[in-house]
N, C-alpha and C. Protein backbone atom coordinates (compact mmCIF):
# COMPACT_ATOMS: atom_id res chain seq x y z
N MET A 1 38.25 95.59 83.64
CA MET A 1 38.48 94.85 81.93
C MET A 1 37.32 94.96 81.30
N THR A 2 38.19 95.09 79.87
CA THR A 2 37.20 95.13 78.38
C THR A 2 36.75 93.80 78.07
N LEU A 3 35.32 93.68 77.90
CA LEU A 3 35.30 92.20 77.32
C LEU A 3 35.02 92.68 75.70
N PRO A 4 35.93 91.79 74.93
CA PRO A 4 35.87 91.32 73.68
C PRO A 4 34.51 92.09 73.07
N SER A 5 34.58 92.44 71.50
CA SER A 5 33.18 92.63 71.20
C SER A 5 32.57 91.17 70.77
N GLY A 6 31.49 90.99 70.35
CA GLY A 6 30.64 89.95 70.91
C GLY A 6 30.65 89.01 72.37
N ALA A 7 31.59 89.57 72.78
CA ALA A 7 31.28 88.87 73.80
C ALA A 7 29.89 88.32 74.76
N TYR A 8 28.93 89.72 74.64
CA TYR A 8 27.91 89.53 75.01
C TYR A 8 27.15 88.38 74.58
N GLU A 9 27.60 89.13 72.78
CA GLU A 9 26.53 87.54 71.72
C GLU A 9 27.05 86.52 72.17
N SER A 10 28.28 85.75 72.54
CA SER A 10 28.73 84.60 72.45
C SER A 10 28.12 84.01 74.11
N ARG A 11 27.97 84.31 75.19
CA ARG A 11 27.52 84.53 75.58
C ARG A 11 25.28 83.77 75.99
N GLN A 12 25.12 84.19 74.62
CA GLN A 12 23.51 84.33 74.49
C GLN A 12 23.10 85.45 75.62
N ALA A 13 23.37 86.95 75.62
CA ALA A 13 22.75 87.62 76.62
C ALA A 13 21.77 88.74 76.03
N PRO A 14 21.24 88.41 75.56
CA PRO A 14 19.79 89.72 74.49
C PRO A 14 19.52 90.08 75.31
N ALA A 15 19.52 90.43 77.00
CA ALA A 15 18.79 91.63 77.82
C ALA A 15 20.40 92.05 77.19
N TRP A 16 21.67 91.85 78.37
CA TRP A 16 22.31 92.68 78.28
C TRP A 16 22.64 93.58 76.97
N ILE A 17 22.76 92.74 75.57
CA ILE A 17 22.71 93.99 74.71
C ILE A 17 22.16 95.09 74.86
N ALA A 18 20.81 94.61 75.05
CA ALA A 18 20.19 95.85 74.82
C ALA A 18 20.32 96.76 75.81
N GLN A 19 21.08 96.03 76.95
CA GLN A 19 21.46 97.47 77.24
C GLN A 19 22.04 97.88 77.19
N CYS A 20 23.05 97.16 76.49
CA CYS A 20 24.46 98.09 75.75
C CYS A 20 24.35 99.08 74.31
N TRP A 21 23.37 98.60 73.72
CA TRP A 21 22.92 99.11 72.73
C TRP A 21 22.17 100.48 73.20
N ALA A 22 21.31 100.50 74.10
CA ALA A 22 20.76 100.98 74.33
C ALA A 22 21.56 102.10 75.57
N ARG A 23 22.74 102.16 75.93
CA ARG A 23 23.47 103.15 76.90
C ARG A 23 24.13 104.41 75.52
N LEU A 24 24.07 103.25 74.28
CA LEU A 24 25.22 103.83 73.33
C LEU A 24 24.04 105.01 72.19
N ALA A 25 22.20 104.54 72.45
CA ALA A 25 22.12 105.12 71.50
C ALA A 25 21.53 106.56 72.26
N GLY A 26 21.46 106.22 73.71
CA GLY A 26 21.48 107.69 74.48
C GLY A 26 23.06 108.16 74.23
N LEU A 27 24.00 107.71 73.93
CA LEU A 27 25.04 108.54 73.93
C LEU A 27 25.13 109.52 72.88
N HIS A 28 24.98 108.70 71.89
CA HIS A 28 24.54 109.71 70.90
C HIS A 28 23.51 110.59 70.70
N LEU A 29 22.66 110.19 71.04
CA LEU A 29 21.50 111.38 71.14
C LEU A 29 21.88 112.19 72.34
N GLN A 30 22.29 112.21 73.04
CA GLN A 30 22.89 113.45 73.55
C GLN A 30 23.72 114.06 73.30
N ARG A 31 25.33 113.93 72.63
CA ARG A 31 25.72 114.01 71.22
C ARG A 31 24.96 115.10 70.64
N GLY A 32 23.51 114.72 70.14
CA GLY A 32 23.27 115.71 69.10
C GLY A 32 22.88 114.62 68.37
N GLN A 33 23.48 113.11 68.12
CA GLN A 33 23.64 112.50 66.76
C GLN A 33 22.73 111.57 66.67
N LEU A 34 21.32 112.23 65.77
CA LEU A 34 20.28 111.23 66.28
C LEU A 34 20.37 110.58 64.84
N GLU A 35 21.43 110.56 64.17
CA GLU A 35 21.29 109.47 62.74
C GLU A 35 21.43 108.14 63.74
N ARG A 36 22.87 107.90 64.49
CA ARG A 36 23.50 107.21 65.09
C ARG A 36 22.78 106.84 65.84
N ALA A 37 22.19 108.04 67.12
CA ALA A 37 21.09 107.43 68.05
C ALA A 37 20.26 107.12 67.64
N ARG A 38 19.28 106.86 66.61
CA ARG A 38 18.29 106.15 65.76
C ARG A 38 18.52 104.92 65.05
N ASP A 39 19.98 104.58 64.97
CA ASP A 39 20.37 102.97 64.44
C ASP A 39 20.54 102.57 65.69
N ALA A 40 20.72 102.48 66.62
CA ALA A 40 20.93 101.93 67.48
C ALA A 40 19.92 101.68 68.08
N ALA A 41 18.68 102.73 68.22
CA ALA A 41 17.43 102.58 68.93
C ALA A 41 17.05 101.90 68.01
N GLU A 42 16.99 101.20 67.06
CA GLU A 42 16.15 100.49 65.99
C GLU A 42 16.75 98.92 66.72
N ARG A 43 18.05 98.33 66.86
CA ARG A 43 18.86 97.44 67.15
C ARG A 43 17.80 96.74 68.61
N VAL A 44 17.72 97.83 69.49
CA VAL A 44 17.28 98.46 70.89
C VAL A 44 15.50 97.35 70.18
N ALA A 45 15.04 98.72 69.76
CA ALA A 45 14.11 97.50 69.06
C ALA A 45 13.52 96.67 69.20
N ALA A 46 14.14 95.77 67.69
CA ALA A 46 14.44 94.58 67.71
C ALA A 46 15.00 93.17 68.14
N LEU A 47 15.39 93.78 69.36
CA LEU A 47 15.64 93.40 70.57
C LEU A 47 14.62 92.83 71.72
N LEU A 48 14.15 94.28 71.79
CA LEU A 48 12.77 93.75 72.39
C LEU A 48 11.46 93.48 72.45
N THR A 49 11.72 93.42 70.80
CA THR A 49 10.67 91.68 70.48
C THR A 49 10.69 90.73 70.83
N GLN A 50 11.92 90.79 71.15
CA GLN A 50 11.83 89.24 72.28
C GLN A 50 11.61 89.52 73.41
N GLU A 51 11.39 87.83 73.91
CA GLU A 51 10.74 88.14 75.67
C GLU A 51 11.82 88.33 76.05
N LEU A 52 12.81 89.90 76.16
CA LEU A 52 14.13 89.16 76.87
C LEU A 52 13.87 89.41 78.68
N PRO A 53 14.59 88.60 79.31
CA PRO A 53 14.65 88.73 80.56
C PRO A 53 15.50 89.88 81.72
N LEU A 54 14.79 91.35 81.23
CA LEU A 54 15.36 92.26 81.13
C LEU A 54 15.22 92.82 82.73
N ALA A 55 14.38 92.13 83.48
CA ALA A 55 14.10 92.49 85.03
C ALA A 55 15.61 91.67 86.08
N ASP A 56 16.42 90.94 84.83
CA ASP A 56 17.44 90.84 85.40
C ASP A 56 18.57 91.96 84.86
N THR A 57 18.23 92.48 84.53
CA THR A 57 19.57 93.47 84.52
C THR A 57 18.61 94.91 84.94
N ASP A 58 20.15 95.87 85.36
CA ASP A 58 20.11 97.03 86.11
C ASP A 58 18.88 98.01 84.58
N ASP A 59 18.44 98.94 85.46
CA ASP A 59 17.38 99.63 84.88
C ASP A 59 17.03 98.84 83.96
N SER A 60 15.48 97.77 84.27
CA SER A 60 14.81 96.97 83.15
C SER A 60 14.33 97.62 82.35
N GLU A 61 13.95 98.56 82.63
CA GLU A 61 13.32 99.49 81.61
C GLU A 61 13.32 100.38 80.42
N TYR A 62 14.83 100.60 81.02
CA TYR A 62 16.22 101.75 80.00
C TYR A 62 15.53 101.71 78.84
N PRO A 63 16.27 100.81 78.08
CA PRO A 63 15.74 100.22 76.86
C PRO A 63 14.85 100.71 76.21
N ALA A 64 13.32 100.48 76.84
CA ALA A 64 12.73 101.32 76.08
C ALA A 64 12.46 102.67 76.74
N TRP A 65 12.84 103.32 77.58
CA TRP A 65 13.21 103.90 77.70
C TRP A 65 13.89 105.08 76.67
N ILE A 66 14.63 104.30 76.53
CA ILE A 66 15.59 105.45 75.90
C ILE A 66 15.26 105.27 73.88
N CYS A 67 14.39 103.92 73.50
CA CYS A 67 13.74 104.04 72.33
C CYS A 67 12.52 105.22 72.10
N TYR A 68 12.16 105.60 73.40
CA TYR A 68 11.08 106.33 73.61
C TYR A 68 11.90 107.62 73.07
N CYS A 69 12.53 108.22 74.18
CA CYS A 69 13.94 108.92 73.90
C CYS A 69 14.06 109.99 72.48
N VAL A 70 14.53 108.76 71.43
CA VAL A 70 14.92 108.85 70.62
C VAL A 70 13.78 108.59 69.15
N TRP A 71 13.03 108.65 70.09
CA TRP A 71 11.49 108.51 68.50
C TRP A 71 10.92 109.51 68.97
N GLN A 72 10.90 110.01 70.58
CA GLN A 72 10.02 110.98 70.51
C GLN A 72 11.55 112.56 69.59
N ALA A 73 12.60 112.20 70.38
CA ALA A 73 13.71 113.18 69.41
C ALA A 73 13.33 113.82 67.66
N SER A 74 12.89 112.08 67.03
CA SER A 74 13.35 112.24 65.89
C SER A 74 11.32 112.37 64.90
N GLY A 75 11.04 112.62 66.04
CA GLY A 75 9.39 112.75 65.81
C GLY A 75 8.74 111.42 65.32
N ASP A 76 9.37 110.59 65.01
CA ASP A 76 8.29 109.05 64.90
C ASP A 76 7.88 108.67 66.20
N ALA A 77 6.36 108.17 65.78
CA ALA A 77 5.12 108.27 65.86
C ALA A 77 4.83 106.61 66.78
N ARG A 78 5.90 106.11 67.19
CA ARG A 78 6.23 105.34 67.76
C ARG A 78 5.86 105.46 69.68
N ALA A 79 7.06 107.28 69.51
CA ALA A 79 6.70 107.33 71.07
C ALA A 79 5.88 107.70 71.39
N ALA A 80 4.65 107.70 71.53
CA ALA A 80 3.86 107.86 72.06
C ALA A 80 3.18 106.38 72.57
N PRO A 81 2.83 105.34 71.99
CA PRO A 81 2.76 103.61 72.16
C PRO A 81 3.53 103.90 72.95
N GLN A 82 4.83 104.00 73.35
CA GLN A 82 5.95 104.25 74.15
C GLN A 82 6.23 104.35 75.26
N LEU A 83 5.93 105.57 75.34
CA LEU A 83 5.37 106.26 76.17
C LEU A 83 4.54 105.47 77.29
N LYS A 84 3.15 105.73 76.31
CA LYS A 84 2.38 104.67 76.83
C LYS A 84 2.70 103.09 77.31
N ALA A 85 3.40 102.25 76.94
CA ALA A 85 3.03 101.06 77.50
C ALA A 85 4.48 101.31 78.71
N LEU A 86 5.10 102.38 78.74
CA LEU A 86 6.61 102.17 79.75
C LEU A 86 5.50 103.61 80.88
N HIS A 87 4.54 104.01 80.93
CA HIS A 87 3.96 104.81 81.48
C HIS A 87 2.82 103.74 82.89
N GLU A 88 2.39 102.39 81.99
CA GLU A 88 1.41 101.16 82.28
C GLU A 88 2.13 100.49 83.68
N ARG A 89 3.22 100.23 82.44
CA ARG A 89 3.91 98.91 83.24
C ARG A 89 4.53 99.59 84.39
N LEU A 90 4.83 100.94 84.84
CA LEU A 90 5.31 101.75 86.38
C LEU A 90 4.54 101.73 86.49
N MET A 91 2.98 102.13 86.47
CA MET A 91 2.28 102.01 87.35
C MET A 91 1.65 100.69 87.86
N ALA A 92 2.11 100.12 87.52
CA ALA A 92 1.42 98.67 87.95
C ALA A 92 2.35 98.17 88.63
N SER A 93 3.76 98.58 88.29
CA SER A 93 4.37 98.35 89.47
C SER A 93 4.48 99.33 91.15
N ALA A 94 4.12 99.75 90.20
CA ALA A 94 3.41 100.96 91.74
C ALA A 94 1.91 100.24 92.41
N ALA A 95 1.34 100.15 91.75
CA ALA A 95 0.42 98.99 92.42
C ALA A 95 0.62 98.31 93.18
N ARG A 96 1.99 97.38 92.73
CA ARG A 96 1.91 96.16 93.79
C ARG A 96 2.22 96.64 94.91
N ILE A 97 2.74 97.43 95.33
CA ILE A 97 3.63 98.31 96.13
C ILE A 97 2.52 98.66 97.39
N GLU A 98 2.59 98.12 98.32
CA GLU A 98 1.46 98.43 99.23
C GLU A 98 1.99 99.40 99.99
N ASP A 99 2.57 99.16 101.06
CA ASP A 99 3.46 100.87 101.79
C ASP A 99 3.35 102.29 101.15
N PRO A 100 2.77 103.11 100.91
CA PRO A 100 2.32 103.86 100.39
C PRO A 100 4.30 105.31 100.19
N GLU A 101 4.49 105.19 101.76
CA GLU A 101 5.80 105.45 101.55
C GLU A 101 6.94 104.85 100.18
N LEU A 102 6.95 103.65 100.30
CA LEU A 102 7.78 102.90 98.94
C LEU A 102 7.26 103.00 98.03
N ARG A 103 5.65 103.44 97.35
CA ARG A 103 4.99 103.61 96.26
C ARG A 103 5.70 105.17 95.55
N ARG A 104 5.93 105.86 96.60
CA ARG A 104 6.14 107.47 96.04
C ARG A 104 7.18 107.68 96.21
N GLY A 105 7.98 106.35 96.63
CA GLY A 105 9.27 106.26 97.01
C GLY A 105 9.37 105.57 95.23
N LEU A 106 9.22 104.91 94.50
CA LEU A 106 9.52 104.06 93.72
C LEU A 106 8.50 105.17 92.50
N LEU A 107 7.69 106.27 92.46
CA LEU A 107 7.73 107.32 91.72
C LEU A 107 8.29 108.05 91.66
N GLU A 108 9.02 108.82 92.46
CA GLU A 108 9.26 110.37 92.63
C GLU A 108 10.51 110.11 92.88
N ASP A 109 11.25 108.79 93.44
CA ASP A 109 12.51 109.13 93.62
C ASP A 109 13.49 109.09 93.20
N VAL A 110 13.18 107.99 92.35
CA VAL A 110 13.74 106.91 91.70
C VAL A 110 14.17 107.23 90.33
N PRO A 111 15.05 107.97 89.33
CA PRO A 111 15.06 109.10 88.34
C PRO A 111 14.26 108.23 87.42
N LEU A 112 14.28 107.31 86.51
CA LEU A 112 14.05 106.50 85.31
C LEU A 112 12.10 106.71 85.37
N SER A 113 11.76 106.11 87.37
CA SER A 113 10.07 106.10 86.95
C SER A 113 9.92 108.29 87.08
N ARG A 114 10.92 108.52 87.89
CA ARG A 114 10.52 110.16 87.38
C ARG A 114 10.78 110.86 85.86
N ASP A 115 11.06 110.31 85.72
CA ASP A 115 11.28 111.04 84.01
C ASP A 115 10.24 110.43 83.03
N ILE A 116 9.74 108.96 83.27
CA ILE A 116 8.39 108.65 82.51
C ILE A 116 7.52 109.32 83.53
N VAL A 117 7.38 109.64 84.10
CA VAL A 117 6.30 110.02 84.94
C VAL A 117 6.20 111.59 84.19
N ALA A 118 6.93 112.16 84.41
CA ALA A 118 7.07 113.48 83.81
C ALA A 118 7.27 113.56 82.49
N ALA A 119 7.62 112.75 81.90
CA ALA A 119 7.23 112.85 80.02
C ALA A 119 5.89 112.61 79.91
N TRP A 120 4.95 111.20 80.68
CA TRP A 120 3.90 111.21 80.79
C TRP A 120 3.09 112.40 80.64
N ASP A 121 3.22 112.78 82.46
CA ASP A 121 2.84 114.81 82.12
C ASP A 121 2.04 115.62 81.06
N ALA A 122 3.67 115.59 81.07
CA ALA A 122 4.17 116.41 79.67
C ALA A 122 3.03 116.54 78.15
N GLN A 123 3.36 115.56 78.17
CA GLN A 123 2.16 114.69 77.33
C GLN A 123 0.66 114.84 76.70
N LEU A 124 0.61 115.18 78.13
CA LEU A 124 -0.87 115.16 78.37
C LEU A 124 -1.59 116.43 78.76
N ASP A 125 -0.64 117.01 79.10
CA ASP A 125 -0.48 118.96 79.09
C ASP A 125 -0.21 119.22 77.72
N SER A 126 -0.10 118.60 76.36
CA SER A 126 0.62 119.18 75.96
C SER A 126 -0.73 119.04 74.06
N ALA A 127 -1.76 117.55 75.19
CA ALA A 127 -2.78 117.10 74.27
C ALA A 127 -3.90 117.65 74.15
N PRO A 128 -4.57 118.18 73.52
CA PRO A 128 -5.84 118.10 73.01
C PRO A 128 -6.91 117.97 74.21
N ALA A 129 -8.05 118.47 74.84
CA ALA A 129 -8.74 118.32 75.54
C ALA A 129 -9.03 117.10 75.35
N SER A 130 -9.35 117.25 74.37
CA SER A 130 -10.83 115.21 73.40
C SER A 130 -9.84 114.53 74.29
N ILE A 131 -8.38 113.98 74.22
CA ILE A 131 -7.77 113.41 74.33
C ILE A 131 -7.07 112.94 75.22
N SER A 132 -6.65 114.27 76.60
CA SER A 132 -6.11 113.88 77.86
C SER A 132 -7.95 113.97 79.34
N SER A 133 -8.27 113.86 78.08
CA SER A 133 -9.69 113.54 79.56
C SER A 133 -10.15 112.28 79.04
N LYS A 134 -9.41 111.55 78.27
CA LYS A 134 -9.22 109.64 78.31
C LYS A 134 -9.12 109.18 79.53
């Protein structure tokens, strides 16, 4: 079953709209359509400025992650602070998990979490020593 155009908007579900635009941005990015990916990511970013109940959606950090990916690919200065915010939220979530094995599972076994950690580590590895030591 496909939903008619505007179905999420008519249900006033901005969190799901953000997810849809993020998936579209990711698809465009995979296809090398950077301009289209940027356009979709801007829609996502605009929605993320609202207080969306993203926790009620699958992959709640995916919209913010795809904005980071598109911005990183296009050399947008917003990429670094976006990654920092994603990493901080992930580490805060991990810190709330008392069981070490479950915490490790969140950080190493969940693909999106693993991607965030890898991107953060790569950014630290490529940063000048004066920045990465902070």
